[in-house]
Amino acid sequence: MIDTHSHPTEVSNPIGSPNMRRADAARYIRETYGIPCVHTTLAKYACIGNGPLFRKAGKFPLYSRNDLDAWAKERLGTLVRSTSELSGQKRESAA
């Protein structure tokens, strides 16, 4: 029986594969780092330059796990014990 609800371009790679399409990359970021991320945000970042590195395979962007890990770790702040430590970090980074 043919499944009329699936579309061949919507086939996604498992998160464990070396290269992930946007939806899987966003899910990897959410599940691995707890950072809210959706595929449309990654598409926007690809246009404005704030997102993880990616490669194109034809018209499809592909994200490697290493590039996603590096991007997510850059977004995460350092560990702190209180919010007062955060204001000190902002002053130091602004100098």
Protein backbone atom coordinates (compact mmCIF):
# COMPACT_ATOMS: atom_id res chain seq x y z
CA MET A 1 0.00 0.00 0.00
CA ILE A 2 1.31 3.47 -0.87
CA ASP A 3 1.46 6.02 1.90
CA THR A 4 0.00 9.21 0.47
CA HIS A 5 0.92 11.25 3.55
CA SER A 6 4.70 11.03 3.23
CA HIS A 7 6.68 13.10 0.77
CA PRO A 8 10.09 11.91 -0.49
CA THR A 9 11.77 15.24 0.26
CA GLU A 10 10.65 15.01 3.90
CA VAL A 11 12.66 11.87 4.62
CA SER A 12 14.96 12.76 7.46
CA ASN A 13 18.29 11.35 8.53
CA PRO A 14 18.59 9.86 11.97
CA ILE A 15 20.31 12.09 14.52
CA GLY A 16 23.20 9.63 14.70
CA SER A 17 24.13 10.04 11.03
CA PRO A 18 27.17 12.16 10.09
CA ASN A 19 25.12 14.82 8.29
CA MET A 20 21.68 16.04 9.30
CA ARG A 21 19.04 18.04 7.49
CA ARG A 22 17.63 21.12 9.24
CA ALA A 23 14.77 19.45 11.12
CA ASP A 24 17.09 16.79 12.52
CA ALA A 25 19.78 19.35 13.31
CA ALA A 26 17.28 21.45 15.27
CA ARG A 27 16.07 18.38 17.15
CA TYR A 28 19.68 17.41 17.93
CA ILE A 29 20.33 20.89 19.41
CA ARG A 30 17.14 20.68 21.50
CA GLU A 31 17.66 17.13 22.75
CA THR A 32 21.42 17.32 23.32
CA TYR A 33 21.82 20.83 24.73
CA GLY A 34 18.33 21.85 25.80
CA ILE A 35 18.55 24.96 23.62
CA PRO A 36 15.21 25.83 22.01
CA CYS A 37 15.73 25.45 18.27
CA VAL A 38 13.47 24.80 15.27
CA HIS A 39 14.32 24.25 11.63
CA THR A 40 12.95 27.65 10.60
CA THR A 41 15.34 29.36 13.01
CA LEU A 42 18.27 27.49 11.44
CA ALA A 43 17.02 28.59 8.00
CA LYS A 44 16.93 32.21 9.17
CA TYR A 45 20.40 31.92 10.69
CA ALA A 46 21.69 30.48 7.41
CA CYS A 47 20.57 33.72 5.74
CA ILE A 48 21.84 36.18 8.33
CA GLY A 49 24.94 34.30 9.43
CA ASN A 50 24.30 33.54 13.12
CA GLY A 51 23.87 29.78 12.85
CA PRO A 52 26.02 26.71 12.76
CA LEU A 53 28.23 25.94 9.78
CA PHE A 54 26.59 23.82 7.10
CA ARG A 55 27.25 22.37 3.67
CA LYS A 56 24.93 22.12 0.70
CA ALA A 57 24.15 18.87 -1.06
CA GLY A 58 22.31 20.16 -4.09
CA LYS A 59 19.59 22.33 -2.62
CA PHE A 60 19.67 20.70 0.82
CA PRO A 61 21.68 22.13 3.71
CA LEU A 62 23.49 19.50 5.76
CA TYR A 63 24.84 20.03 9.26
CA SER A 64 27.55 17.87 10.82
CA ARG A 65 27.32 16.90 14.47
CA ASN A 66 30.72 18.52 15.18
CA ASP A 67 29.58 21.84 13.72
CA LEU A 68 26.30 21.71 15.67
CA ASP A 69 28.19 20.90 18.88
CA ALA A 70 30.59 23.81 18.38
CA TRP A 71 27.74 26.25 17.69
CA ALA A 72 25.69 25.10 20.67
CA LYS A 73 28.66 25.33 23.04
CA GLU A 74 29.30 28.92 21.87
CA ARG A 75 25.69 29.81 22.73
CA LEU A 76 25.86 28.32 26.21
CA GLY A 77 27.16 30.60 28.93
CA THR A 78 29.67 29.61 31.55
CA LEU A 79 28.54 27.93 34.73
CA VAL A 80 27.69 30.33 37.55
CA ARG A 81 26.52 29.95 41.13
CA SER A 82 24.41 33.13 41.21
CA THR A 83 22.98 35.73 38.86
CA SER A 84 25.35 38.34 40.32
CA GLU A 85 28.19 36.51 38.57
CA LEU A 86 26.47 37.14 35.24
CA SER A 87 26.64 40.93 35.57
CA GLY A 88 30.38 40.68 36.20
CA GLN A 89 30.83 38.60 33.05
CA LYS A 90 29.01 41.19 30.93
CA ARG A 91 31.25 43.97 32.21
CA GLU A 92 34.39 41.94 31.53
CA SER A 93 33.31 41.01 27.99
CA ALA A 94 32.38 44.63 27.18
CA ALA A 95 35.85 45.89 28.14
